[in-house]
């Protein structure tokens, strides 16, 4: 029998409290390691704390003997010798306890070798291997923990004759026991299909086998989860590129590519995964090829048409882009289509239409980013229309996002900007003071606070904030990223422009002229 190189891990495994974790992320091979033994760091942290009382008494006795001997002989080298003896004694006891712990448990690993079509494992009891052909069946066993009735102990086992070999072990609280069992059942079913053996579920409690198997995640669902992981990592990549962190961006690019490839391994017709892989490249030819491949892989997918609508927008064909998004929404209302059309409306300053579409986005996906997007549109609309009701709605959206990410600097800074425009200046300044204390290396809250000081004619405070922001911006290194350089140059240009305004108010016209020249030089490079 030829075994398929199949993707066995599932995204939820990383979120579970598992005793074994997937270590090898190469295609067709999975390695799980169970860390039971102590690491070297544990020897110097866990054991000294846990065994302090055991080690304290003999060490103190040796030190006291050393002190008494030194006093009697008037020779303090005796104390030094006994301190060394105490240190040796502690080291020997720790070493012996470490050996005892390792001998009693140890760590183990197992792997599936698709080339030799066998399982291989190693533990403190030795090594073992078994061909796939000798495995009779796989079993998911779920039972309540004997030490804690609220815990469930679940494991995936390979049955080899009368013997069972544990592959995955999981432990979860009662309220999530079903979810944990479904994750293990998903792994088990995919493995059972790959090596052509049956899968069964054993156990006690409120987890019936038929319910668990009915909820096993399909290949298409797994592909969607991997695609979502890829999108999340791609967002991190874009943020790093935005900040000029090129090495980190490349790491995220490789990780996102891997997630998309795993999605395509599970579902080759996932057109969106193909498109997103193409977008990881800056080469227009590769992006165009990806769009063609996505359409061939799934002619009925919205993804290629969504990409076409985005290209229409970038080509300033706004009405055509709106029409295409509207057509897609008639066929199937999706987050991407609503969000895309909202982006066109926002650019055209049709704020009411944009807010309506972004509200539909939130109804479909209430993630924090969607709240901040609607908040940004409401903020722009409120400033332009000078309507406090719109600013209040924008503030509510940002506070909703901050509930999910309370330490996010851009969210906190924008919230303070909204407060300032609502006339709640003291509250805005207090908030920005805290943001700057929490994020001293970020220039944006400094420029925002400087603008508020400037509006209040607090000239010295404004100049101090803009000067600090300019210093931070000069330290930024966009490398070869033209978009990041454009962003930092623009931010630096406006910091100079605002400081020039503060200098004018302070009658420092020579300094103001110099800053305005710097603004023109930088802004003219955009």
Protein backbone atom coordinates (compact mmCIF):
# COMPACT_ATOMS: atom_id res chain seq x y z
CA UNK A 1 0.00 0.00 0.00
CA UNK A 2 1.23 3.51 -0.82
CA UNK A 3 0.50 5.93 2.00
CA UNK A 4 -0.44 9.51 1.25
CA UNK A 5 1.74 12.25 2.72
CA UNK A 6 -1.14 13.75 4.63
CA UNK A 7 -1.45 16.81 6.86
CA UNK A 8 -2.33 15.45 10.29
CA UNK A 9 -1.98 18.34 12.71
CA UNK A 10 -4.86 20.77 13.18
CA UNK A 11 -4.70 24.45 14.20
CA UNK A 12 -6.47 23.84 17.52
CA UNK A 13 -3.68 21.57 18.75
CA UNK A 14 -1.56 24.62 19.54
CA UNK A 15 -4.34 26.08 21.69
CA UNK A 16 -4.92 22.90 23.70
CA UNK A 17 -3.22 22.04 26.94
CA UNK A 18 -1.46 19.04 25.45
CA UNK A 19 1.42 17.08 26.93
CA UNK A 20 2.80 16.52 23.46
CA UNK A 21 3.31 19.19 20.83
CA UNK A 22 4.06 19.00 17.12
CA UNK A 23 7.69 19.93 16.52
CA UNK A 24 8.39 19.12 12.88
CA UNK A 25 6.39 21.24 10.40
CA UNK A 26 7.68 19.65 7.18
CA UNK A 27 5.22 18.08 4.77
CA UNK A 28 4.53 14.39 5.30
CA UNK A 29 6.22 14.11 8.68
CA UNK A 30 5.08 14.86 12.20
CA UNK A 31 7.14 14.58 15.38
CA UNK A 32 5.50 14.84 18.81
CA UNK A 33 7.56 15.30 21.97
CA UNK A 34 6.36 14.81 25.52
CA UNK A 35 8.43 16.80 27.99
CA UNK A 36 8.25 15.03 31.34
CA UNK A 37 11.89 15.18 32.41
CA UNK A 38 13.61 18.23 33.85
CA UNK A 39 15.58 20.57 31.67
CA UNK A 40 18.93 22.04 32.67
CA UNK A 41 17.22 25.32 33.53
CA UNK A 42 14.91 23.48 35.91
CA UNK A 43 17.94 22.28 37.83
CA UNK A 44 18.82 25.88 38.64
CA UNK A 45 15.27 27.18 39.15
CA UNK A 46 12.60 24.63 40.05
CA UNK A 47 14.68 22.20 42.10
CA UNK A 48 16.51 24.77 44.29
CA UNK A 49 13.20 26.39 45.22
CA UNK A 50 11.34 23.14 45.78
CA UNK A 51 14.15 21.51 47.75
CA UNK A 52 15.38 24.56 49.65
CA UNK A 53 14.36 23.20 53.06
CA UNK A 54 16.08 19.87 52.34
CA UNK A 55 19.32 21.56 51.34
CA UNK A 56 19.25 24.40 53.86
CA UNK A 57 19.90 22.41 57.04
CA UNK A 58 23.07 20.50 55.99
CA UNK A 59 24.45 23.65 54.32
CA UNK A 60 23.91 25.72 57.45
CA UNK A 61 25.54 23.03 59.60
CA UNK A 62 28.65 23.05 57.41
CA UNK A 63 28.82 26.86 57.42
CA UNK A 64 28.43 27.00 61.23
CA UNK A 65 31.20 24.41 61.64
CA UNK A 66 33.38 26.53 59.37
CA UNK A 67 32.71 29.70 61.37
CA UNK A 68 33.47 28.00 64.70
CA UNK A 69 36.64 26.42 63.32
CA UNK A 70 37.81 29.74 61.87
CA UNK A 71 37.19 31.60 65.14
CA UNK A 72 39.01 28.98 67.23
CA UNK A 73 42.00 28.74 64.90
CA UNK A 74 41.88 32.40 63.88
CA UNK A 75 42.08 31.18 60.29
CA UNK A 76 39.22 32.28 58.00
CA UNK A 77 40.37 29.99 55.20
CA UNK A 78 38.67 27.22 57.20
CA UNK A 79 35.30 28.94 56.66
CA UNK A 80 36.01 29.21 52.93
CA UNK A 81 36.72 25.47 52.75
CA UNK A 82 33.44 24.63 54.50
CA UNK A 83 31.49 26.97 52.25
CA UNK A 84 32.97 25.10 49.28
CA UNK A 85 32.00 21.79 50.94
CA UNK A 86 28.43 23.10 51.33
CA UNK A 87 28.32 24.10 47.65
CA UNK A 88 29.59 20.69 46.57
CA UNK A 89 27.01 18.99 48.80
CA UNK A 90 24.17 21.04 47.29
CA UNK A 91 25.38 20.26 43.74
CA UNK A 92 25.64 16.53 44.47
CA UNK A 93 22.15 16.39 46.01
CA UNK A 94 20.64 18.31 43.06
CA UNK A 95 22.41 16.06 40.58
CA UNK A 96 21.20 12.90 42.34
CA UNK A 97 17.63 14.20 42.45
CA UNK A 98 17.81 15.13 38.77
CA UNK A 99 18.99 11.61 37.88
CA UNK A 100 16.24 10.09 39.98
CA UNK A 101 13.62 12.23 38.24
CA UNK A 102 14.88 11.41 34.76
CA UNK A 103 15.08 7.70 35.57
CA UNK A 104 11.52 7.80 36.87
CA UNK A 105 10.00 9.52 33.86
CA UNK A 106 12.15 11.07 31.13
CA UNK A 107 11.01 12.56 27.87
CA UNK A 108 9.84 10.70 24.79
CA UNK A 109 9.15 11.35 21.17
CA UNK A 110 7.40 9.60 18.32
CA UNK A 111 7.28 10.25 14.64
CA UNK A 112 5.57 8.99 11.52
CA UNK A 113 8.07 8.07 8.85
CA UNK A 114 6.23 8.09 5.53
CA UNK A 115 9.28 6.89 3.60
CA UNK A 116 9.60 3.65 5.59
CA UNK A 117 5.84 3.60 6.40
CA UNK A 118 6.28 3.07 10.11
CA UNK A 119 5.96 4.70 13.52
CA UNK A 120 9.14 5.22 15.52
CA UNK A 121 9.29 6.23 19.16
CA UNK A 122 11.77 6.61 21.98
CA UNK A 123 11.25 6.82 25.74
CA UNK A 124 13.14 6.13 28.94
CA UNK A 125 12.28 2.45 28.40
CA UNK A 126 14.05 2.33 25.06
CA UNK A 127 13.25 2.62 21.37
CA UNK A 128 10.51 1.05 19.31
CA UNK A 129 9.10 0.97 15.82
CA UNK A 130 6.11 -0.59 14.15
CA UNK A 131 5.07 -0.66 10.47
CA UNK A 132 1.75 0.94 9.59
CA UNK A 133 0.60 -2.46 8.31
CA UNK A 134 0.77 -3.92 11.83
CA UNK A 135 -1.60 -1.33 13.31
CA UNK A 136 -5.05 -2.89 13.77
CA UNK A 137 -6.97 0.27 14.65
CA UNK A 138 -6.77 3.68 16.30
CA UNK A 139 -8.66 4.49 19.49
CA UNK A 140 -9.64 7.79 21.08
CA UNK A 141 -9.98 7.20 24.82
CA UNK A 142 -11.68 9.89 26.91
CA UNK A 143 -12.08 9.48 30.67
CA UNK A 144 -12.49 11.66 33.72
CA UNK A 145 -9.27 12.27 35.61
CA UNK A 146 -9.14 10.23 38.80
CA UNK A 147 -7.42 13.09 40.67
CA UNK A 148 -9.82 15.83 39.58
CA UNK A 149 -13.38 15.00 38.58
CA UNK A 150 -13.63 18.25 36.60
CA UNK A 151 -10.79 17.26 34.26
CA UNK A 152 -10.94 14.95 31.26
CA UNK A 153 -7.98 12.87 30.20
CA UNK A 154 -8.01 12.03 26.47
CA UNK A 155 -5.50 10.25 24.30
CA UNK A 156 -5.13 8.86 20.80
CA UNK A 157 -3.74 5.31 20.81
CA UNK A 158 -2.53 2.93 18.13
CA UNK A 159 -3.58 -0.69 18.76
CA UNK A 160 -0.87 -3.20 17.77
CA UNK A 161 -2.16 -6.64 18.62
CA UNK A 162 -2.74 -6.71 22.38
CA UNK A 163 -0.53 -3.67 22.91
CA UNK A 164 -1.41 0.03 22.69
CA UNK A 165 0.95 2.87 21.88
CA UNK A 166 -0.11 6.39 22.89
CA UNK A 167 0.36 9.00 20.15
CA UNK A 168 -1.33 12.16 21.50
CA UNK A 169 -2.36 12.98 25.08
CA UNK A 170 -4.65 15.84 26.04
CA UNK A 171 -6.21 17.16 29.22
CA UNK A 172 -8.99 19.75 29.38
CA UNK A 173 -11.55 21.23 31.73
CA UNK A 174 -15.06 19.83 31.66
CA UNK A 175 -16.56 22.73 29.71
CA UNK A 176 -14.08 22.22 26.83
CA UNK A 177 -13.78 18.44 27.00
CA UNK A 178 -15.92 18.01 23.87
CA UNK A 179 -13.75 20.45 21.90
CA UNK A 180 -10.56 18.66 22.96
CA UNK A 181 -12.04 15.28 22.02
CA UNK A 182 -13.05 16.64 18.60
CA UNK A 183 -9.51 17.86 17.98
CA UNK A 184 -8.07 14.44 18.82
CA UNK A 185 -10.78 12.73 16.76
CA UNK A 186 -9.93 14.97 13.80
CA UNK A 187 -6.26 14.00 14.01
CA UNK A 188 -7.21 10.36 14.56
CA UNK A 189 -9.60 10.21 11.62
CA UNK A 190 -7.13 11.73 9.20
CA UNK A 191 -4.44 9.33 10.36
CA UNK A 192 -6.83 6.38 10.18
CA UNK A 193 -7.76 7.30 6.60
CA UNK A 194 -4.09 7.69 5.66
CA UNK A 195 -3.03 4.23 6.92
CA UNK A 196 -6.40 2.57 6.20
CA UNK A 197 -7.41 1.42 9.68
CA UNK A 198 -10.65 1.93 11.64
CA UNK A 199 -11.07 4.57 14.34
CA UNK A 200 -13.16 4.07 17.46
CA UNK A 201 -13.84 6.04 20.64
CA UNK A 202 -13.86 4.63 24.15
CA UNK A 203 -14.49 6.33 27.46
CA UNK A 204 -16.84 7.36 30.17
CA UNK A 205 -18.79 10.47 31.02
CA UNK A 206 -20.84 12.84 28.88
CA UNK A 207 -18.91 12.45 25.62
CA UNK A 208 -20.76 9.98 23.37
CA UNK A 209 -18.72 8.63 20.47
CA UNK A 210 -21.33 9.34 17.79
CA UNK A 211 -21.53 13.01 18.83
CA UNK A 212 -17.75 13.42 18.72
CA UNK A 213 -17.35 11.73 15.34
CA UNK A 214 -20.23 13.77 13.89
CA UNK A 215 -18.32 16.96 14.72
CA UNK A 216 -14.95 15.93 13.30
CA UNK A 217 -13.54 18.79 11.27
CA UNK A 218 -13.50 18.20 7.52
CA UNK A 219 -10.53 18.80 5.25
CA UNK A 220 -12.16 21.92 3.81
CA UNK A 221 -12.76 23.30 7.31
CA UNK A 222 -9.15 22.62 8.25
CA UNK A 223 -8.01 24.32 5.05
CA UNK A 224 -10.06 27.39 5.98
CA UNK A 225 -8.47 27.49 9.43
CA UNK A 226 -4.98 27.31 7.92
CA UNK A 227 -5.92 30.06 5.48
CA UNK A 228 -7.11 32.21 8.38
CA UNK A 229 -3.83 31.57 10.16
CA UNK A 230 -2.00 32.59 7.00
CA UNK A 231 -4.05 35.80 6.77
CA UNK A 232 -3.26 36.64 10.38
CA UNK A 233 0.47 36.10 9.86
CA UNK A 234 0.33 38.06 6.58
CA UNK A 235 -1.10 40.96 8.58
CA UNK A 236 1.89 40.75 10.93
CA UNK A 237 4.18 40.70 7.90
CA UNK A 238 2.57 43.86 6.51
CA UNK A 239 2.90 45.60 9.87
CA UNK A 240 6.61 44.72 10.06
CA UNK A 241 7.16 46.01 6.52
CA UNK A 242 5.25 49.15 7.47
CA UNK A 243 7.67 49.68 10.37
CA UNK A 244 10.74 48.79 8.32
CA UNK A 245 11.43 45.52 10.22
CA UNK A 246 12.50 43.56 7.17
CA UNK A 247 14.03 40.50 8.81
CA UNK A 248 10.91 39.95 10.91
CA UNK A 249 8.74 40.53 7.84
CA UNK A 250 10.58 37.79 5.94
CA UNK A 251 10.03 35.35 8.83
CA UNK A 252 6.30 36.13 8.77
CA UNK A 253 6.25 35.84 4.96
CA UNK A 254 7.69 32.30 5.13
CA UNK A 255 5.28 31.33 7.91
CA UNK A 256 2.26 32.69 6.02
CA UNK A 257 3.38 30.85 2.87
CA UNK A 258 3.56 27.63 4.85
CA UNK A 259 0.03 28.08 6.21
CA UNK A 260 -1.32 28.74 2.71
CA UNK A 261 0.48 25.68 1.33
CA UNK A 262 -1.03 23.55 4.10
CA UNK A 263 -4.46 24.94 3.20
CA UNK A 264 -3.90 24.02 -0.45
CA UNK A 265 -2.66 20.56 0.54
CA UNK A 266 -5.99 20.00 2.26
CA UNK A 267 -8.12 21.77 -0.35
CA UNK A 268 -6.43 22.30 -3.74
CA UNK A 269 -9.43 24.31 -4.98
CA UNK A 270 -9.07 26.99 -2.26
CA UNK A 271 -8.89 29.96 -4.61
CA UNK A 272 -8.41 32.50 -1.84
CA UNK A 273 -5.34 30.67 -0.51
CA UNK A 274 -3.84 30.78 -4.02
CA UNK A 275 -4.52 34.51 -4.29
CA UNK A 276 -3.10 35.24 -0.85
CA UNK A 277 0.07 33.32 -1.69
CA UNK A 278 0.41 35.48 -4.78
CA UNK A 279 0.00 38.62 -2.68
CA UNK A 280 3.01 37.62 -0.59
CA UNK A 281 5.08 38.65 -3.63
CA UNK A 282 5.63 42.23 -4.79
CA UNK A 283 5.97 41.04 -8.40
CA UNK A 284 2.84 42.02 -10.42
CA UNK A 285 3.42 39.11 -12.80
CA UNK A 286 3.29 36.60 -9.94
CA UNK A 287 0.12 38.21 -8.61
CA UNK A 288 -1.51 38.02 -12.03
CA UNK A 289 -0.50 34.37 -12.38
CA UNK A 290 -1.98 33.66 -8.95
CA UNK A 291 -5.27 35.26 -9.98
CA UNK A 292 -5.45 33.09 -13.10
CA UNK A 293 -4.59 29.98 -11.12
CA UNK A 294 -7.24 30.79 -8.50
CA UNK A 295 -9.91 31.12 -11.17
CA UNK A 296 -8.88 27.81 -12.76
CA UNK A 297 -8.84 26.05 -9.38
CA UNK A 298 -12.34 27.25 -8.48
CA UNK A 299 -14.29 29.14 -11.16
CA UNK A 300 -17.19 29.65 -8.73
CA UNK A 301 -15.09 31.27 -5.99
CA UNK A 302 -15.54 34.96 -5.20
CA UNK A 303 -11.83 35.41 -4.54
CA UNK A 304 -10.72 36.17 -8.14
CA UNK A 305 -13.61 38.62 -8.62
CA UNK A 306 -12.79 40.32 -5.33
CA UNK A 307 -9.24 40.76 -6.53
CA UNK A 308 -10.54 42.15 -9.84
CA UNK A 309 -12.68 44.65 -7.90
CA UNK A 310 -9.61 45.74 -5.92
CA UNK A 311 -7.68 46.26 -9.15
CA UNK A 312 -10.52 48.39 -10.52
CA UNK A 313 -10.33 50.53 -7.39
CA UNK A 314 -6.56 50.95 -7.68
CA UNK A 315 -7.09 51.97 -11.32
CA UNK A 316 -9.49 54.77 -10.22
CA UNK A 317 -12.45 52.94 -11.78
CA UNK A 318 -14.54 53.52 -8.68
CA UNK A 319 -18.06 53.04 -10.01
CA UNK A 320 -17.03 49.84 -11.79
CA UNK A 321 -15.51 48.55 -8.56
CA UNK A 322 -18.70 49.38 -6.63
CA UNK A 323 -20.82 47.61 -9.26
CA UNK A 324 -18.67 44.48 -9.08
CA UNK A 325 -18.75 44.43 -5.26
CA UNK A 326 -22.53 44.91 -5.37
CA UNK A 327 -22.88 42.01 -7.80
CA UNK A 328 -20.82 39.79 -5.49
CA UNK A 329 -22.95 40.81 -2.50
CA UNK A 330 -26.13 39.92 -4.37
CA UNK A 331 -24.74 36.45 -5.02
CA UNK A 332 -23.32 35.93 -1.52
CA UNK A 333 -22.92 38.51 1.28
CA UNK A 334 -19.35 38.16 2.60
CA UNK A 335 -17.03 40.15 4.85
CA UNK A 336 -14.54 40.71 2.03
CA UNK A 337 -17.13 42.09 -0.38
CA UNK A 338 -18.73 44.43 2.20
CA UNK A 339 -15.30 45.57 3.37
CA UNK A 340 -14.08 46.15 -0.18
CA UNK A 341 -17.10 48.25 -1.13
CA UNK A 342 -16.85 50.16 2.15
CA UNK A 343 -13.24 51.02 1.26
CA UNK A 344 -14.35 52.55 -2.06
CA UNK A 345 -17.14 54.49 -0.36
CA UNK A 346 -14.69 55.76 2.25
CA UNK A 347 -12.24 56.94 -0.41
CA UNK A 348 -15.08 58.78 -2.19
CA UNK A 349 -16.12 60.28 1.20
CA UNK A 350 -19.52 58.59 0.98
CA UNK A 351 -19.27 58.03 4.71
CA UNK A 352 -22.85 56.99 5.39
CA UNK A 353 -22.66 54.20 2.80
CA UNK A 354 -19.25 53.13 4.15
CA UNK A 355 -20.56 52.95 7.73
CA UNK A 356 -23.57 50.91 6.58
CA UNK A 357 -21.30 48.36 4.87
CA UNK A 358 -18.89 48.20 7.82
CA UNK A 359 -21.84 47.57 10.15
CA UNK A 360 -22.69 44.56 7.98
CA UNK A 361 -19.03 43.48 8.27
CA UNK A 362 -19.27 43.62 12.09
CA UNK A 363 -22.49 41.62 12.00
CA UNK A 364 -20.59 38.89 10.14
CA UNK A 365 -17.26 39.23 11.98
CA UNK A 366 -17.07 41.18 15.24
CA UNK A 367 -13.27 41.27 15.41
CA UNK A 368 -11.59 44.35 16.86
CA UNK A 369 -10.11 45.44 13.51
CA UNK A 370 -13.60 45.80 12.02
CA UNK A 371 -14.68 48.01 14.93
CA UNK A 372 -11.63 50.27 14.46
CA UNK A 373 -12.27 50.48 10.72
CA UNK A 374 -15.82 51.67 11.29
CA UNK A 375 -14.54 53.95 14.04
CA UNK A 376 -12.06 55.56 11.62
CA UNK A 377 -14.83 56.28 9.10
CA UNK A 378 -17.11 57.69 11.80
CA UNK A 379 -14.22 59.83 13.07
CA UNK A 380 -13.54 61.29 9.60
CA UNK A 381 -17.26 61.84 9.03
CA UNK A 382 -17.71 63.44 12.44
CA UNK A 383 -14.79 65.84 11.98
CA UNK A 384 -15.98 66.89 8.53
CA UNK A 385 -19.63 67.29 9.55
CA UNK A 386 -18.72 68.65 13.02
CA UNK A 387 -21.19 66.23 14.60
CA UNK A 388 -20.53 65.04 18.14
CA UNK A 389 -22.97 62.14 17.77
CA UNK A 390 -20.74 60.62 15.09
CA UNK A 391 -17.64 61.22 17.21
CA UNK A 392 -19.37 59.48 20.13
CA UNK A 393 -20.06 56.46 17.93
CA UNK A 394 -16.43 56.46 16.78
CA UNK A 395 -15.29 56.56 20.41
CA UNK A 396 -17.58 53.64 21.27
CA UNK A 397 -16.10 51.55 18.44
CA UNK A 398 -12.53 52.20 19.59
CA UNK A 399 -13.39 51.44 23.20
CA UNK A 400 -14.91 48.16 22.02
CA UNK A 401 -11.65 47.31 20.25
CA UNK A 402 -9.60 48.31 23.32
CA UNK A 403 -11.58 45.79 25.40
CA UNK A 404 -9.95 43.07 23.26
CA UNK A 405 -6.49 44.69 23.03
CA UNK A 406 -6.05 47.02 26.01
CA UNK A 407 -2.31 47.51 25.38
CA UNK A 408 -2.59 48.45 21.70
CA UNK A 409 -0.90 51.85 21.23
CA UNK A 410 -2.63 52.92 17.97
CA UNK A 411 -6.07 52.13 19.44
CA UNK A 412 -5.33 54.12 22.61
CA UNK A 413 -3.85 57.05 20.67
CA UNK A 414 -6.78 57.29 18.25
CA UNK A 415 -9.20 57.12 21.18
CA UNK A 416 -7.47 60.17 22.67
CA UNK A 417 -7.67 61.98 19.31
CA UNK A 418 -11.43 61.40 19.26
CA UNK A 419 -11.77 62.64 22.85
CA UNK A 420 -9.89 65.80 21.91
CA UNK A 421 -12.20 66.49 18.95
CA UNK A 422 -15.19 65.97 21.28
CA UNK A 423 -13.87 68.76 23.51
CA UNK A 424 -12.73 66.39 26.27
CA UNK A 425 -9.17 67.72 26.04
CA UNK A 426 -8.05 67.12 29.62
CA UNK A 427 -9.17 63.50 29.39
CA UNK A 428 -7.37 63.14 26.05
CA UNK A 429 -4.11 64.55 27.44
CA UNK A 430 -4.27 62.32 30.52
CA UNK A 431 -4.79 59.32 28.24
CA UNK A 432 -1.88 60.28 26.00
CA UNK A 433 0.38 60.79 29.03
CA UNK A 434 -0.31 57.17 29.98
CA UNK A 435 0.18 55.89 26.41
CA UNK A 436 3.56 57.64 26.17
CA UNK A 437 4.64 56.19 29.52
CA UNK A 438 3.64 52.72 28.33
CA UNK A 439 5.15 53.14 24.82
CA UNK A 440 8.12 55.55 25.13
CA UNK A 441 9.57 54.55 21.74
CA UNK A 442 6.44 55.36 19.69
CA UNK A 443 6.36 58.73 17.92
CA UNK A 444 2.64 58.85 17.07
CA UNK A 445 1.22 59.61 20.56
CA UNK A 446 3.84 62.33 20.94
CA UNK A 447 2.77 64.09 17.74
CA UNK A 448 -0.89 63.79 18.70
CA UNK A 449 -0.23 65.25 22.16
CA UNK A 450 1.90 67.97 20.55
CA UNK A 451 -1.01 68.91 18.26
CA UNK A 452 -3.36 69.20 21.25
CA UNK A 453 -0.83 71.39 23.09
CA UNK A 454 -0.50 73.49 19.95
CA UNK A 455 -4.27 73.97 19.73
CA UNK A 456 -4.25 75.12 23.38
CA UNK A 457 -1.27 77.45 22.68
CA UNK A 458 0.89 75.50 25.17
CA UNK A 459 3.87 76.28 22.97
CA UNK A 460 6.73 74.92 25.08
CA UNK A 461 4.97 71.60 25.67
CA UNK A 462 4.13 71.31 21.97
CA UNK A 463 7.74 72.02 20.91
CA UNK A 464 9.03 69.42 23.38
CA UNK A 465 6.66 66.74 22.05
CA UNK A 466 7.40 67.44 18.38
CA UNK A 467 11.16 67.51 19.05
CA UNK A 468 11.03 64.14 20.82
CA UNK A 469 8.90 62.68 17.99
CA UNK A 470 11.39 63.99 15.39
CA UNK A 471 14.23 62.33 17.28
CA UNK A 472 12.39 58.98 17.32
CA UNK A 473 11.50 59.25 13.62
CA UNK A 474 15.14 59.91 12.68
CA UNK A 475 16.06 56.63 14.36
CA UNK A 476 13.71 54.62 12.13
CA UNK A 477 15.40 52.46 9.51
CA UNK A 478 13.07 51.52 6.63
CA UNK A 479 15.90 49.74 4.82
CA UNK A 480 14.99 49.18 1.19
CA UNK A 481 11.24 49.29 1.78
CA UNK A 482 9.96 52.27 -0.23
CA UNK A 483 6.50 52.20 1.39
CA UNK A 484 7.99 52.28 4.91
CA UNK A 485 10.37 55.08 3.90
CA UNK A 486 7.48 57.08 2.47
CA UNK A 487 5.52 56.58 5.70
CA UNK A 488 8.35 57.68 7.99
CA UNK A 489 9.34 60.59 5.74
CA UNK A 490 5.75 61.84 5.70
CA UNK A 491 5.44 61.53 9.47
CA UNK A 492 8.77 63.35 9.92
CA UNK A 493 7.76 66.07 7.47
CA UNK A 494 4.55 66.82 9.36
CA UNK A 495 6.35 66.75 12.70
CA UNK A 496 8.60 69.51 11.32
CA UNK A 497 5.57 71.37 9.96
CA UNK A 498 3.77 71.28 13.33
CA UNK A 499 6.90 72.33 15.19
CA UNK A 500 7.30 75.23 12.78
CA UNK A 501 3.78 76.36 13.71
CA UNK A 502 4.73 76.19 17.39
CA UNK A 503 7.91 78.19 16.73
CA UNK A 504 5.81 80.89 14.95
CA UNK A 505 3.57 81.22 17.99
CA UNK A 506 6.70 81.64 20.11
CA UNK A 507 8.09 84.27 17.69
CA UNK A 508 11.07 82.03 16.84
CA UNK A 509 10.78 82.76 13.12
CA UNK A 510 14.29 81.60 12.16
CA UNK A 511 13.65 78.16 13.67
CA UNK A 512 10.20 78.08 12.05
CA UNK A 513 11.68 78.87 8.61
CA UNK A 514 14.24 76.07 9.00
CA UNK A 515 11.55 73.53 9.93
CA UNK A 516 9.34 74.60 7.03
CA UNK A 517 12.26 74.07 4.62
CA UNK A 518 12.76 70.58 6.06
CA UNK A 519 9.03 69.92 5.58
CA UNK A 520 9.20 70.96 1.92
CA UNK A 521 12.33 68.87 1.31
CA UNK A 522 10.81 65.73 2.84
CA UNK A 523 7.29 66.19 1.51
CA UNK A 524 8.62 66.91 -1.97
CA UNK A 525 10.33 63.48 -1.99
CA UNK A 526 7.03 61.63 -1.67
